[in-house]
């Protein structure tokens, strides 16, 4: 059995906000897997589904974001699951809107919902599904306003595309493991182009310095 917790805030006023992309992914997975109706259990909404022979619990904590662990921790204990059976999906301000990143484990990275889960689960060894929501320029009040505000039409489309992309990625985590899923679905880093080699020395040749060119031009103009 696996538990997939999508983080967010309960209530219609928060449904379309940046902080609720975890809920959005949980709802999309429930629809994809034809999950049973959501029901209230241990301060969360829980829906059961199956992926092949694997039973899956989809979880949306109702404790509000900063207390997410207060729902997830007791649910893990109730179903006698280990941290390795847990997958958590949440928003990430450090990623551009619509960018996704799968992680095998790690710290909370400044995310209060993740801090709460780590406190209650007391183990960081569980996969995370991070969905980029972008970052405001600066200021704590701006950050709070940012995550609790809805997406623009353009950004909402990026989030829909990200969630569609993540549906098979989450299935891959469940059926084939996080390592393979990371390798298959994480965006690839662009390789820097190699510098051309100097024909005489065989060493990498530096690109011409723009400032040197400017100096030479100025010298010519000065006569």
N, C-alpha and C. Protein backbone atom coordinates (compact mmCIF):
# COMPACT_ATOMS: atom_id res chain seq x y z
N UNK A 1 0.84 -1.19 0.00
CA UNK A 1 0.00 0.00 0.00
C UNK A 1 0.88 1.25 0.00
N UNK A 2 0.47 2.25 -0.79
CA UNK A 2 1.15 3.54 -0.82
C UNK A 2 0.18 4.63 -0.39
N UNK A 3 0.73 5.67 0.23
CA UNK A 3 -0.07 6.83 0.58
C UNK A 3 0.48 8.04 -0.17
N UNK A 4 -0.39 8.72 -0.91
CA UNK A 4 0.00 9.92 -1.64
C UNK A 4 -0.73 11.10 -1.02
N UNK A 5 0.01 11.99 -0.39
CA UNK A 5 -0.57 13.15 0.27
C UNK A 5 -0.33 14.39 -0.58
N UNK A 6 -1.41 15.01 -1.03
CA UNK A 6 -1.31 16.29 -1.73
C UNK A 6 -1.61 17.39 -0.74
N UNK A 7 -0.69 18.35 -0.60
CA UNK A 7 -0.85 19.38 0.42
C UNK A 7 -1.62 20.59 -0.11
N UNK A 8 -2.35 21.24 0.80
CA UNK A 8 -3.11 22.43 0.44
C UNK A 8 -3.90 22.93 1.63
N UNK A 9 -4.80 23.86 1.37
CA UNK A 9 -5.68 24.40 2.40
C UNK A 9 -7.13 24.06 2.04
N UNK A 10 -7.94 23.64 3.02
CA UNK A 10 -9.34 23.33 2.74
C UNK A 10 -10.16 24.61 2.55
N UNK A 11 -11.25 24.48 1.83
CA UNK A 11 -12.14 25.62 1.64
C UNK A 11 -12.13 26.13 0.21
N UNK A 12 -13.31 26.55 -0.25
CA UNK A 12 -13.46 27.00 -1.64
C UNK A 12 -12.61 28.22 -1.94
N UNK A 13 -12.37 29.07 -0.94
CA UNK A 13 -11.60 30.30 -1.17
C UNK A 13 -10.14 30.03 -1.50
N UNK A 14 -9.65 28.80 -1.18
CA UNK A 14 -8.25 28.47 -1.45
C UNK A 14 -8.09 27.49 -2.62
N UNK A 15 -9.19 27.03 -3.17
CA UNK A 15 -9.16 25.92 -4.13
C UNK A 15 -8.25 26.17 -5.33
N UNK A 16 -8.23 27.40 -5.84
CA UNK A 16 -7.45 27.67 -7.06
C UNK A 16 -6.15 28.42 -6.78
N UNK A 17 -5.70 28.41 -5.53
CA UNK A 17 -4.50 29.17 -5.18
C UNK A 17 -3.23 28.35 -5.37
N UNK A 18 -2.10 29.06 -5.38
CA UNK A 18 -0.80 28.42 -5.60
C UNK A 18 -0.49 27.36 -4.54
N UNK A 19 -0.86 27.63 -3.31
CA UNK A 19 -0.58 26.69 -2.22
C UNK A 19 -1.32 25.37 -2.39
N UNK A 20 -2.31 25.32 -3.28
CA UNK A 20 -3.17 24.14 -3.37
C UNK A 20 -2.86 23.23 -4.55
N UNK A 21 -1.70 23.36 -5.15
CA UNK A 21 -1.38 22.49 -6.30
C UNK A 21 -1.27 21.03 -5.87
N UNK A 22 -0.94 20.77 -4.61
CA UNK A 22 -0.92 19.39 -4.11
C UNK A 22 -2.31 18.78 -4.11
N UNK A 23 -3.31 19.56 -3.67
CA UNK A 23 -4.70 19.11 -3.73
C UNK A 23 -5.10 18.85 -5.18
N UNK A 24 -4.69 19.76 -6.08
CA UNK A 24 -5.05 19.63 -7.50
C UNK A 24 -4.52 18.31 -8.07
N UNK A 25 -3.27 17.98 -7.74
CA UNK A 25 -2.70 16.73 -8.23
C UNK A 25 -3.43 15.53 -7.63
N UNK A 26 -3.77 15.59 -6.34
CA UNK A 26 -4.50 14.48 -5.70
C UNK A 26 -5.85 14.27 -6.37
N UNK A 27 -6.54 15.36 -6.69
CA UNK A 27 -7.84 15.25 -7.37
C UNK A 27 -7.68 14.65 -8.77
N UNK A 28 -6.63 15.06 -9.48
CA UNK A 28 -6.39 14.54 -10.83
C UNK A 28 -6.07 13.05 -10.79
N UNK A 29 -5.30 12.62 -9.79
CA UNK A 29 -4.98 11.20 -9.64
C UNK A 29 -6.23 10.40 -9.29
N UNK A 30 -7.09 10.97 -8.43
CA UNK A 30 -8.34 10.29 -8.06
C UNK A 30 -9.21 10.06 -9.30
N UNK A 31 -9.28 11.07 -10.17
CA UNK A 31 -10.07 10.94 -11.39
C UNK A 31 -9.44 9.92 -12.34
N UNK A 32 -8.12 9.94 -12.47
CA UNK A 32 -7.42 9.03 -13.38
C UNK A 32 -7.58 7.58 -12.96
N UNK A 33 -7.55 7.34 -11.65
CA UNK A 33 -7.61 5.97 -11.14
C UNK A 33 -9.02 5.55 -10.73
N UNK A 34 -10.00 6.41 -10.98
CA UNK A 34 -11.39 6.10 -10.63
C UNK A 34 -11.49 5.72 -9.15
N UNK A 35 -10.93 6.58 -8.31
CA UNK A 35 -10.89 6.32 -6.87
C UNK A 35 -12.28 6.37 -6.25
N UNK A 36 -12.41 5.71 -5.11
CA UNK A 36 -13.67 5.79 -4.36
C UNK A 36 -13.87 7.21 -3.86
N UNK A 37 -15.08 7.51 -3.44
CA UNK A 37 -15.41 8.86 -2.97
C UNK A 37 -14.53 9.27 -1.79
N UNK A 38 -14.23 10.56 -1.72
CA UNK A 38 -13.46 11.08 -0.60
C UNK A 38 -14.28 10.94 0.69
N UNK A 39 -13.61 10.51 1.76
CA UNK A 39 -14.29 10.41 3.05
C UNK A 39 -13.39 10.97 4.14
N UNK A 40 -13.99 11.43 5.20
CA UNK A 40 -13.24 12.06 6.29
C UNK A 40 -12.62 11.01 7.19
N UNK A 41 -11.30 11.16 7.44
CA UNK A 41 -10.61 10.25 8.35
C UNK A 41 -9.36 10.94 8.91
N UNK A 42 -9.23 10.96 10.22
CA UNK A 42 -8.02 11.50 10.87
C UNK A 42 -7.63 12.89 10.36
N UNK A 43 -8.55 13.83 10.40
CA UNK A 43 -8.27 15.22 9.98
C UNK A 43 -7.85 15.32 8.51
N UNK A 44 -8.38 14.45 7.67
CA UNK A 44 -8.05 14.50 6.25
C UNK A 44 -9.18 13.91 5.43
N UNK A 45 -9.19 14.25 4.15
CA UNK A 45 -10.05 13.55 3.20
C UNK A 45 -9.22 12.44 2.58
N UNK A 46 -9.79 11.23 2.55
CA UNK A 46 -9.06 10.06 2.06
C UNK A 46 -9.89 9.37 0.99
N UNK A 47 -9.24 9.00 -0.10
CA UNK A 47 -9.89 8.23 -1.16
C UNK A 47 -9.01 7.03 -1.50
N UNK A 48 -9.61 5.88 -1.67
CA UNK A 48 -8.86 4.67 -1.99
C UNK A 48 -8.93 4.37 -3.48
N UNK A 49 -7.79 3.91 -4.01
CA UNK A 49 -7.72 3.57 -5.43
C UNK A 49 -6.79 2.38 -5.59
N UNK A 50 -6.74 1.85 -6.80
CA UNK A 50 -5.82 0.75 -7.11
C UNK A 50 -5.07 1.06 -8.40
N UNK A 51 -3.80 0.70 -8.39
CA UNK A 51 -2.97 0.78 -9.58
C UNK A 51 -2.36 -0.60 -9.76
N UNK A 52 -2.94 -1.38 -10.65
CA UNK A 52 -2.53 -2.77 -10.75
C UNK A 52 -2.91 -3.49 -9.47
N UNK A 53 -1.92 -4.12 -8.85
CA UNK A 53 -2.17 -4.83 -7.58
C UNK A 53 -1.91 -3.94 -6.37
N UNK A 54 -1.44 -2.71 -6.61
CA UNK A 54 -1.08 -1.81 -5.51
C UNK A 54 -2.29 -1.01 -5.04
N UNK A 55 -2.56 -1.08 -3.74
CA UNK A 55 -3.61 -0.24 -3.17
C UNK A 55 -3.01 1.11 -2.83
N UNK A 56 -3.74 2.18 -3.13
CA UNK A 56 -3.24 3.52 -2.91
C UNK A 56 -4.25 4.33 -2.11
N UNK A 57 -3.74 5.07 -1.13
CA UNK A 57 -4.55 6.00 -0.36
C UNK A 57 -4.19 7.41 -0.81
N UNK A 58 -5.17 8.12 -1.33
CA UNK A 58 -4.97 9.53 -1.68
C UNK A 58 -5.46 10.37 -0.50
N UNK A 59 -4.62 11.31 -0.09
CA UNK A 59 -4.89 12.06 1.14
C UNK A 59 -4.81 13.56 0.90
N UNK A 60 -5.82 14.29 1.40
CA UNK A 60 -5.80 15.75 1.39
C UNK A 60 -6.01 16.22 2.84
N UNK A 61 -4.94 16.63 3.53
CA UNK A 61 -5.07 17.08 4.92
C UNK A 61 -6.02 18.28 5.03
N UNK A 62 -6.82 18.27 6.09
CA UNK A 62 -7.77 19.37 6.33
C UNK A 62 -7.31 20.25 7.49
N UNK A 63 -6.06 20.12 7.86
CA UNK A 63 -5.50 20.83 9.03
C UNK A 63 -4.96 22.20 8.68
N UNK A 64 -5.07 22.62 7.43
CA UNK A 64 -4.40 23.78 6.86
C UNK A 64 -2.92 23.46 6.70
N UNK A 65 -2.32 24.13 5.73
CA UNK A 65 -0.98 23.76 5.25
C UNK A 65 0.05 23.57 6.36
N UNK A 66 0.15 24.55 7.26
CA UNK A 66 1.24 24.52 8.24
C UNK A 66 1.13 23.39 9.27
N UNK A 67 -0.01 22.71 9.31
CA UNK A 67 -0.20 21.59 10.23
C UNK A 67 -0.43 20.28 9.49
N UNK A 68 0.05 20.18 8.26
CA UNK A 68 -0.20 19.00 7.42
C UNK A 68 0.22 17.69 8.09
N UNK A 69 1.32 17.72 8.82
CA UNK A 69 1.81 16.51 9.48
C UNK A 69 0.87 15.97 10.53
N UNK A 70 0.03 16.84 11.09
CA UNK A 70 -0.91 16.42 12.12
C UNK A 70 -1.96 15.47 11.55
N UNK A 71 -2.14 15.50 10.22
CA UNK A 71 -3.04 14.55 9.56
C UNK A 71 -2.26 13.37 8.99
N UNK A 72 -1.13 13.66 8.34
CA UNK A 72 -0.38 12.61 7.64
C UNK A 72 0.25 11.62 8.62
N UNK A 73 0.85 12.11 9.71
CA UNK A 73 1.51 11.23 10.68
C UNK A 73 0.58 10.18 11.26
N UNK A 74 -0.56 10.58 11.84
CA UNK A 74 -1.49 9.60 12.39
C UNK A 74 -2.06 8.63 11.35
N UNK A 75 -2.25 9.10 10.11
CA UNK A 75 -2.74 8.20 9.06
C UNK A 75 -1.73 7.11 8.74
N UNK A 76 -0.45 7.47 8.69
CA UNK A 76 0.58 6.46 8.46
C UNK A 76 0.54 5.41 9.57
N UNK A 77 0.39 5.86 10.80
CA UNK A 77 0.34 4.93 11.93
C UNK A 77 -0.92 4.06 11.87
N UNK A 78 -2.05 4.67 11.54
CA UNK A 78 -3.32 3.94 11.48
C UNK A 78 -3.25 2.79 10.47
N UNK A 79 -2.65 3.06 9.31
CA UNK A 79 -2.57 2.04 8.27
C UNK A 79 -1.29 1.20 8.36
N UNK A 80 -0.50 1.44 9.42
CA UNK A 80 0.74 0.69 9.66
C UNK A 80 1.70 0.78 8.46
N UNK A 81 1.87 1.99 7.98
CA UNK A 81 2.77 2.24 6.86
C UNK A 81 4.05 2.90 7.34
N UNK A 82 5.13 2.67 6.61
CA UNK A 82 6.41 3.31 6.90
C UNK A 82 6.55 4.59 6.08
N UNK A 83 7.55 5.39 6.43
CA UNK A 83 7.80 6.62 5.68
C UNK A 83 8.05 6.32 4.21
N UNK A 84 8.69 5.20 3.91
CA UNK A 84 8.97 4.83 2.52
C UNK A 84 7.74 4.54 1.69
N UNK A 85 6.57 4.38 2.37
CA UNK A 85 5.32 4.14 1.65
C UNK A 85 4.59 5.45 1.33
N UNK A 86 5.18 6.57 1.76
CA UNK A 86 4.56 7.88 1.61
C UNK A 86 5.14 8.64 0.42
N UNK A 87 4.27 9.33 -0.31
CA UNK A 87 4.68 10.26 -1.37
C UNK A 87 3.95 11.58 -1.09
N UNK A 88 4.66 12.68 -1.07
CA UNK A 88 4.05 13.98 -0.77
C UNK A 88 4.19 14.92 -1.95
N UNK A 89 3.10 15.55 -2.34
CA UNK A 89 3.10 16.53 -3.43
C UNK A 89 2.81 17.91 -2.85
N UNK A 90 3.62 18.89 -3.23
CA UNK A 90 3.43 20.24 -2.68
C UNK A 90 3.95 21.30 -3.63
N UNK A 91 3.56 22.55 -3.37
CA UNK A 91 4.01 23.69 -4.16
C UNK A 91 5.45 24.04 -3.79
N UNK A 92 6.15 24.67 -4.72
CA UNK A 92 7.54 25.06 -4.48
C UNK A 92 7.79 26.42 -5.13
N UNK A 93 8.06 27.43 -4.29
CA UNK A 93 8.30 28.77 -4.80
C UNK A 93 9.67 28.91 -5.47
N UNK A 94 10.58 27.99 -5.19
CA UNK A 94 11.92 28.09 -5.76
C UNK A 94 11.98 27.58 -7.20
N UNK A 95 10.88 27.04 -7.70
CA UNK A 95 10.82 26.56 -9.08
C UNK A 95 9.90 27.47 -9.89
N UNK A 96 10.24 27.75 -11.14
CA UNK A 96 9.35 28.55 -12.00
C UNK A 96 7.98 27.89 -12.13
N UNK A 97 6.98 28.69 -12.41
CA UNK A 97 5.61 28.18 -12.51
C UNK A 97 5.53 27.05 -13.54
N UNK A 98 4.98 25.93 -13.11
CA UNK A 98 4.78 24.79 -13.99
C UNK A 98 5.96 23.84 -14.10
N UNK A 99 7.09 24.21 -13.50
CA UNK A 99 8.25 23.31 -13.50
C UNK A 99 8.06 22.25 -12.42
N UNK A 100 8.43 21.02 -12.71
CA UNK A 100 8.27 19.96 -11.72
C UNK A 100 9.64 19.40 -11.33
N UNK A 101 9.69 18.83 -10.15
CA UNK A 101 10.92 18.18 -9.70
C UNK A 101 10.56 17.05 -8.76
N UNK A 102 11.05 15.85 -9.04
CA UNK A 102 10.86 14.70 -8.15
C UNK A 102 12.10 14.56 -7.29
N UNK A 103 11.90 14.32 -6.00
CA UNK A 103 13.02 14.13 -5.08
C UNK A 103 12.83 12.84 -4.29
N UNK A 104 13.95 12.21 -3.97
CA UNK A 104 13.91 10.94 -3.25
C UNK A 104 13.72 11.14 -1.75
N UNK A 105 14.31 12.20 -1.22
CA UNK A 105 14.24 12.50 0.22
C UNK A 105 14.77 13.91 0.42
N UNK A 106 14.94 14.32 1.68
CA UNK A 106 15.56 15.61 1.92
C UNK A 106 14.87 16.41 3.00
N UNK A 107 15.32 17.64 3.14
CA UNK A 107 14.78 18.54 4.17
C UNK A 107 13.49 19.18 3.67
N UNK A 108 12.93 20.06 4.50
CA UNK A 108 11.69 20.74 4.13
C UNK A 108 11.92 21.83 3.11
N UNK A 109 13.14 22.32 2.99
CA UNK A 109 13.43 23.37 2.03
C UNK A 109 12.66 24.65 2.29
N UNK A 110 12.34 24.92 3.57
CA UNK A 110 11.61 26.15 3.92
C UNK A 110 10.11 26.06 3.78
N UNK A 111 9.59 24.91 3.36
CA UNK A 111 8.14 24.74 3.17
C UNK A 111 7.51 24.32 4.49
N UNK A 112 6.59 25.13 5.01
CA UNK A 112 6.02 24.87 6.34
C UNK A 112 5.21 23.58 6.40
N UNK A 113 4.52 23.25 5.33
CA UNK A 113 3.77 21.99 5.31
C UNK A 113 4.70 20.81 5.42
N UNK A 114 5.83 20.87 4.71
CA UNK A 114 6.81 19.79 4.78
C UNK A 114 7.49 19.75 6.15
N UNK A 115 7.73 20.90 6.74
CA UNK A 115 8.31 20.93 8.09
C UNK A 115 7.41 20.18 9.06
N UNK A 116 6.10 20.40 8.94
CA UNK A 116 5.15 19.73 9.82
C UNK A 116 5.15 18.22 9.60
N UNK A 117 5.20 17.80 8.34
CA UNK A 117 5.22 16.37 8.05
C UNK A 117 6.49 15.72 8.58
N UNK A 118 7.63 16.36 8.37
CA UNK A 118 8.89 15.81 8.89
C UNK A 118 8.86 15.72 10.41
N UNK A 119 8.24 16.69 11.06
CA UNK A 119 8.16 16.67 12.53
C UNK A 119 7.32 15.49 13.01
N UNK A 120 6.21 15.22 12.34
CA UNK A 120 5.31 14.16 12.79
C UNK A 120 5.71 12.77 12.30
N UNK A 121 6.31 12.70 11.11
CA UNK A 121 6.72 11.41 10.57
C UNK A 121 8.09 11.00 11.13
N UNK A 122 8.93 12.01 11.43
CA UNK A 122 10.26 11.79 12.01
C UNK A 122 11.16 10.94 11.10
N UNK A 123 11.03 11.17 9.82
CA UNK A 123 11.86 10.45 8.84
C UNK A 123 11.78 11.23 7.54
N UNK A 124 12.91 11.50 6.92
CA UNK A 124 12.92 12.28 5.69
C UNK A 124 12.99 11.40 4.44
N UNK A 125 13.00 10.09 4.62
CA UNK A 125 13.20 9.16 3.51
C UNK A 125 11.88 8.78 2.84
N UNK A 126 11.28 9.75 2.17
CA UNK A 126 10.09 9.49 1.37
C UNK A 126 10.09 10.44 0.17
N UNK A 127 9.56 9.99 -0.97
CA UNK A 127 9.59 10.80 -2.19
C UNK A 127 8.72 12.05 -2.09
N UNK A 128 9.18 13.10 -2.80
CA UNK A 128 8.40 14.34 -2.88
C UNK A 128 8.16 14.69 -4.34
N UNK A 129 7.02 15.24 -4.61
CA UNK A 129 6.67 15.75 -5.93
C UNK A 129 6.50 17.25 -5.78
N UNK A 130 7.45 18.00 -6.32
CA UNK A 130 7.45 19.45 -6.17
C UNK A 130 6.92 20.11 -7.44
N UNK A 131 5.99 21.04 -7.27
CA UNK A 131 5.37 21.74 -8.40
C UNK A 131 5.66 23.23 -8.27
N UNK A 132 6.37 23.78 -9.24
CA UNK A 132 6.77 25.18 -9.17
C UNK A 132 5.60 26.15 -9.28
N UNK A 133 5.60 27.15 -8.39
CA UNK A 133 4.57 28.20 -8.43
C UNK A 133 5.20 29.58 -8.54
N UNK A 134 6.53 29.65 -8.72
CA UNK A 134 7.20 30.93 -8.85
C UNK A 134 7.36 31.63 -7.51
N UNK A 135 8.12 32.71 -7.50
CA UNK A 135 8.46 33.41 -6.26
C UNK A 135 8.23 34.90 -6.43
N UNK A 136 7.65 35.57 -5.42
CA UNK A 136 7.52 37.03 -5.48
C UNK A 136 8.90 37.67 -5.34
N UNK A 137 8.97 38.94 -5.58
CA UNK A 137 10.26 39.63 -5.55
C UNK A 137 10.92 39.53 -4.18
N UNK A 138 10.24 39.93 -3.13
CA UNK A 138 10.81 39.85 -1.78
C UNK A 138 9.73 40.16 -0.74
N UNK A 139 10.08 39.91 0.52
CA UNK A 139 9.19 40.28 1.62
C UNK A 139 8.28 39.15 2.07
N UNK A 140 8.19 38.95 3.40
CA UNK A 140 7.38 37.86 3.94
C UNK A 140 5.91 38.04 3.60
N UNK A 141 5.39 39.27 3.73
CA UNK A 141 3.97 39.51 3.44
C UNK A 141 3.67 39.21 1.97
N UNK A 142 4.61 39.55 1.10
CA UNK A 142 4.41 39.27 -0.32
C UNK A 142 4.40 37.77 -0.58
N UNK A 143 5.25 37.02 0.15
CA UNK A 143 5.27 35.56 0.00
C UNK A 143 3.93 34.96 0.39
N UNK A 144 3.39 35.38 1.54
CA UNK A 144 2.10 34.86 2.00
C UNK A 144 1.00 35.20 1.00
N UNK A 145 0.99 36.45 0.54
CA UNK A 145 -0.01 36.87 -0.44
C UNK A 145 0.14 36.08 -1.73
N UNK A 146 1.39 35.79 -2.09
CA UNK A 146 1.68 35.07 -3.34
C UNK A 146 1.10 33.66 -3.32
N UNK A 147 1.39 32.89 -2.27
CA UNK A 147 0.95 31.49 -2.24
C UNK A 147 -0.55 31.35 -2.02
N UNK A 148 -1.17 32.39 -1.47
CA UNK A 148 -2.61 32.33 -1.22
C UNK A 148 -3.42 33.03 -2.31
N UNK A 149 -2.76 33.39 -3.39
CA UNK A 149 -3.47 34.05 -4.49
C UNK A 149 -3.64 33.07 -5.66
N UNK A 150 -4.67 33.28 -6.49
CA UNK A 150 -4.88 32.39 -7.63
C UNK A 150 -3.88 32.66 -8.74
N UNK A 151 -3.78 31.72 -9.67
CA UNK A 151 -2.89 31.87 -10.81
C UNK A 151 -3.51 32.78 -11.86
N UNK A 152 -2.65 33.43 -12.62
CA UNK A 152 -3.13 34.12 -13.81
C UNK A 152 -3.58 33.06 -14.82
N UNK A 153 -4.29 33.47 -15.86
CA UNK A 153 -4.77 32.51 -16.86
C UNK A 153 -3.59 31.78 -17.51
N UNK A 154 -2.52 32.52 -17.78
CA UNK A 154 -1.34 31.91 -18.41
C UNK A 154 -0.68 30.89 -17.48
N UNK A 155 -0.54 31.26 -16.20
CA UNK A 155 0.10 30.35 -15.24
C UNK A 155 -0.79 29.16 -14.92
N UNK A 156 -2.10 29.37 -14.92
CA UNK A 156 -3.03 28.26 -14.66
C UNK A 156 -2.88 27.18 -15.73
N UNK A 157 -2.67 27.60 -16.97
CA UNK A 157 -2.47 26.64 -18.06
C UNK A 157 -1.17 25.86 -17.86
N UNK A 158 -0.13 26.54 -17.39
CA UNK A 158 1.15 25.86 -17.11
C UNK A 158 0.98 24.82 -16.01
N UNK A 159 0.19 25.15 -15.00
CA UNK A 159 -0.05 24.20 -13.90
C UNK A 159 -0.85 22.99 -14.40
N UNK A 160 -1.84 23.22 -15.26
CA UNK A 160 -2.60 22.10 -15.82
C UNK A 160 -1.68 21.16 -16.61
N UNK A 161 -0.78 21.76 -17.37
CA UNK A 161 0.16 20.95 -18.16
C UNK A 161 1.10 20.18 -17.23
N UNK A 162 1.55 20.83 -16.14
CA UNK A 162 2.44 20.17 -15.19
C UNK A 162 1.76 18.98 -14.53
N UNK A 163 0.50 19.15 -14.15
CA UNK A 163 -0.24 18.06 -13.49
C UNK A 163 -0.47 16.92 -14.47
N UNK A 164 -0.80 17.23 -15.71
CA UNK A 164 -0.96 16.17 -16.73
C UNK A 164 0.35 15.39 -16.90
N UNK A 165 1.46 16.11 -16.87
CA UNK A 165 2.78 15.48 -17.01
C UNK A 165 3.10 14.59 -15.81
N UNK A 166 2.62 15.02 -14.63
CA UNK A 166 2.94 14.29 -13.40
C UNK A 166 2.11 13.02 -13.20
N UNK A 167 0.98 12.88 -13.86
CA UNK A 167 0.15 11.70 -13.64
C UNK A 167 0.91 10.40 -13.94
N UNK A 168 1.53 10.25 -15.10
CA UNK A 168 2.33 9.03 -15.32
C UNK A 168 3.60 9.00 -14.48
N UNK A 169 4.12 10.18 -14.10
CA UNK A 169 5.32 10.22 -13.26
C UNK A 169 5.04 9.64 -11.88
N UNK A 170 3.90 9.99 -11.30
CA UNK A 170 3.52 9.44 -9.99
C UNK A 170 3.26 7.94 -10.11
N UNK A 171 2.62 7.53 -11.20
CA UNK A 171 2.41 6.10 -11.41
C UNK A 171 3.74 5.37 -11.47
N UNK A 172 4.73 5.99 -12.09
CA UNK A 172 6.06 5.38 -12.18
C UNK A 172 6.70 5.25 -10.80
N UNK A 173 6.51 6.26 -9.94
CA UNK A 173 7.04 6.18 -8.57
C UNK A 173 6.44 4.96 -7.87
N UNK A 174 5.12 4.79 -8.01
CA UNK A 174 4.42 3.71 -7.32
C UNK A 174 4.85 2.34 -7.85
N UNK A 175 4.92 2.19 -9.16
CA UNK A 175 5.15 0.87 -9.75
C UNK A 175 6.61 0.52 -9.96
N UNK A 176 7.47 1.54 -10.20
CA UNK A 176 8.86 1.25 -10.54
C UNK A 176 9.89 1.91 -9.63
N UNK A 177 9.43 2.76 -8.73
CA UNK A 177 10.34 3.36 -7.76
C UNK A 177 10.76 4.77 -8.13
N UNK A 178 11.17 5.51 -7.10
CA UNK A 178 11.49 6.92 -7.28
C UNK A 178 12.74 7.13 -8.12
N UNK A 179 13.73 6.24 -8.04
CA UNK A 179 14.96 6.43 -8.80
C UNK A 179 14.68 6.44 -10.30
N UNK A 180 13.93 5.46 -10.76
CA UNK A 180 13.61 5.39 -12.18
C UNK A 180 12.73 6.58 -12.59
N UNK A 181 11.78 6.93 -11.72
CA UNK A 181 10.89 8.06 -12.03
C UNK A 181 11.68 9.37 -12.15
N UNK A 182 12.64 9.59 -11.26
CA UNK A 182 13.47 10.79 -11.32
C UNK A 182 14.25 10.83 -12.62
N UNK A 183 14.82 9.71 -12.99
CA UNK A 183 15.62 9.64 -14.21
C UNK A 183 14.77 9.87 -15.46
N UNK A 184 13.54 9.39 -15.40
CA UNK A 184 12.68 9.47 -16.58
C UNK A 184 11.93 10.79 -16.70
N UNK A 185 11.51 11.37 -15.56
CA UNK A 185 10.61 12.52 -15.62
C UNK A 185 11.21 13.86 -15.17
N UNK A 186 12.29 13.85 -14.40
CA UNK A 186 12.87 15.13 -14.01
C UNK A 186 13.42 15.85 -15.24
N UNK A 187 13.24 17.15 -15.34
CA UNK A 187 13.80 17.88 -16.49
C UNK A 187 15.31 17.70 -16.55
N UNK A 188 15.81 17.50 -17.75
CA UNK A 188 17.25 17.31 -17.93
C UNK A 188 17.97 18.66 -17.92
N UNK A 189 19.12 18.68 -17.28
CA UNK A 189 19.92 19.89 -17.27
C UNK A 189 20.60 20.05 -18.64
N UNK A 190 20.56 21.27 -19.14
CA UNK A 190 21.21 21.52 -20.43
C UNK A 190 22.72 21.52 -20.25
N UNK A 191 23.40 20.80 -21.15
CA UNK A 191 24.85 20.75 -21.09
C UNK A 191 25.44 22.02 -21.71
N UNK A 192 26.47 22.55 -21.04
CA UNK A 192 27.14 23.73 -21.57
C UNK A 192 27.96 23.33 -22.79
N UNK A 193 27.91 24.14 -23.85
CA UNK A 193 28.69 23.81 -25.05
C UNK A 193 30.18 23.82 -24.74
N UNK A 194 30.89 22.86 -25.32
CA UNK A 194 32.33 22.78 -25.10
C UNK A 194 33.04 23.91 -25.85
N UNK A 195 34.10 24.43 -25.22
CA UNK A 195 34.88 25.46 -25.88
C UNK A 195 35.71 24.84 -26.99
N UNK A 196 35.84 25.52 -28.14
CA UNK A 196 36.67 24.97 -29.22
C UNK A 196 38.13 24.90 -28.79
N UNK A 197 38.83 23.86 -29.24
CA UNK A 197 40.23 23.69 -28.86
C UNK A 197 41.15 24.53 -29.74
N UNK A 198 42.20 25.02 -29.12
CA UNK A 198 43.23 25.75 -29.86
C UNK A 198 43.99 24.77 -30.74
N UNK A 199 44.11 25.08 -32.01
CA UNK A 199 44.74 24.16 -32.96
C UNK A 199 46.20 23.87 -32.62
N UNK A 200 46.86 24.85 -32.00
CA UNK A 200 48.29 24.69 -31.71
C UNK A 200 48.53 23.96 -30.40
N UNK A 201 47.81 24.34 -29.36
CA UNK A 201 48.07 23.78 -28.03
C UNK A 201 47.20 22.58 -27.70
N UNK A 202 46.03 22.46 -28.34
CA UNK A 202 45.10 21.38 -28.01
C UNK A 202 44.27 21.68 -26.78
N UNK A 203 44.47 22.85 -26.15
CA UNK A 203 43.72 23.24 -24.97
C UNK A 203 42.45 23.98 -25.39
N UNK A 204 41.49 24.04 -24.44
CA UNK A 204 40.26 24.76 -24.71
C UNK A 204 40.58 26.22 -24.95
N UNK A 205 39.96 26.76 -25.98
CA UNK A 205 40.24 28.14 -26.37
C UNK A 205 39.16 29.04 -25.82
N UNK A 206 39.57 30.09 -25.10
CA UNK A 206 38.61 31.02 -24.54
C UNK A 206 37.95 31.83 -25.64
N UNK A 207 36.69 32.17 -25.39
CA UNK A 207 36.00 33.03 -26.34
C UNK A 207 36.60 34.43 -26.28
N UNK A 208 36.58 35.16 -27.37
CA UNK A 208 37.12 36.52 -27.36
C UNK A 208 36.42 37.36 -26.32
N UNK A 209 37.16 38.16 -25.60
CA UNK A 209 36.64 39.01 -24.54
C UNK A 209 36.00 40.25 -25.14
N UNK A 210 34.72 40.45 -24.88
CA UNK A 210 34.01 41.59 -25.44
C UNK A 210 34.61 42.91 -25.01
N UNK A 211 35.12 42.95 -23.75
CA UNK A 211 35.69 44.19 -23.25
C UNK A 211 36.96 44.53 -23.99
N UNK A 212 37.74 43.49 -24.36
CA UNK A 212 38.97 43.73 -25.12
C UNK A 212 38.63 44.29 -26.49
N UNK A 213 37.57 43.75 -27.10
CA UNK A 213 37.14 44.25 -28.39
C UNK A 213 36.77 45.72 -28.30
N UNK A 214 36.06 46.05 -27.22
CA UNK A 214 35.63 47.42 -27.04
C UNK A 214 36.83 48.34 -26.89
N UNK A 215 37.84 47.88 -26.15
CA UNK A 215 39.04 48.69 -25.94
C UNK A 215 39.75 48.94 -27.27
N UNK A 216 39.83 47.89 -28.09
CA UNK A 216 40.49 48.01 -29.38
C UNK A 216 39.73 48.99 -30.27
N UNK A 217 38.40 48.92 -30.23
CA UNK A 217 37.58 49.84 -31.01
C UNK A 217 37.79 51.27 -30.58
N UNK A 218 37.82 51.47 -29.26
CA UNK A 218 38.04 52.80 -28.74
C UNK A 218 39.40 53.33 -29.14
N UNK A 219 40.40 52.45 -29.14
CA UNK A 219 41.74 52.87 -29.52
C UNK A 219 41.77 53.33 -30.97
N UNK A 220 41.04 52.61 -31.83
CA UNK A 220 40.98 52.99 -33.23
C UNK A 220 40.30 54.34 -33.39
N UNK A 221 39.24 54.55 -32.62
CA UNK A 221 38.52 55.82 -32.71
C UNK A 221 39.38 56.97 -32.21
N UNK A 222 40.21 56.69 -31.21
CA UNK A 222 41.08 57.74 -30.67
C UNK A 222 42.22 58.09 -31.63
N UNK A 223 42.48 57.21 -32.58
CA UNK A 223 43.53 57.47 -33.57
C UNK A 223 44.89 57.20 -32.99
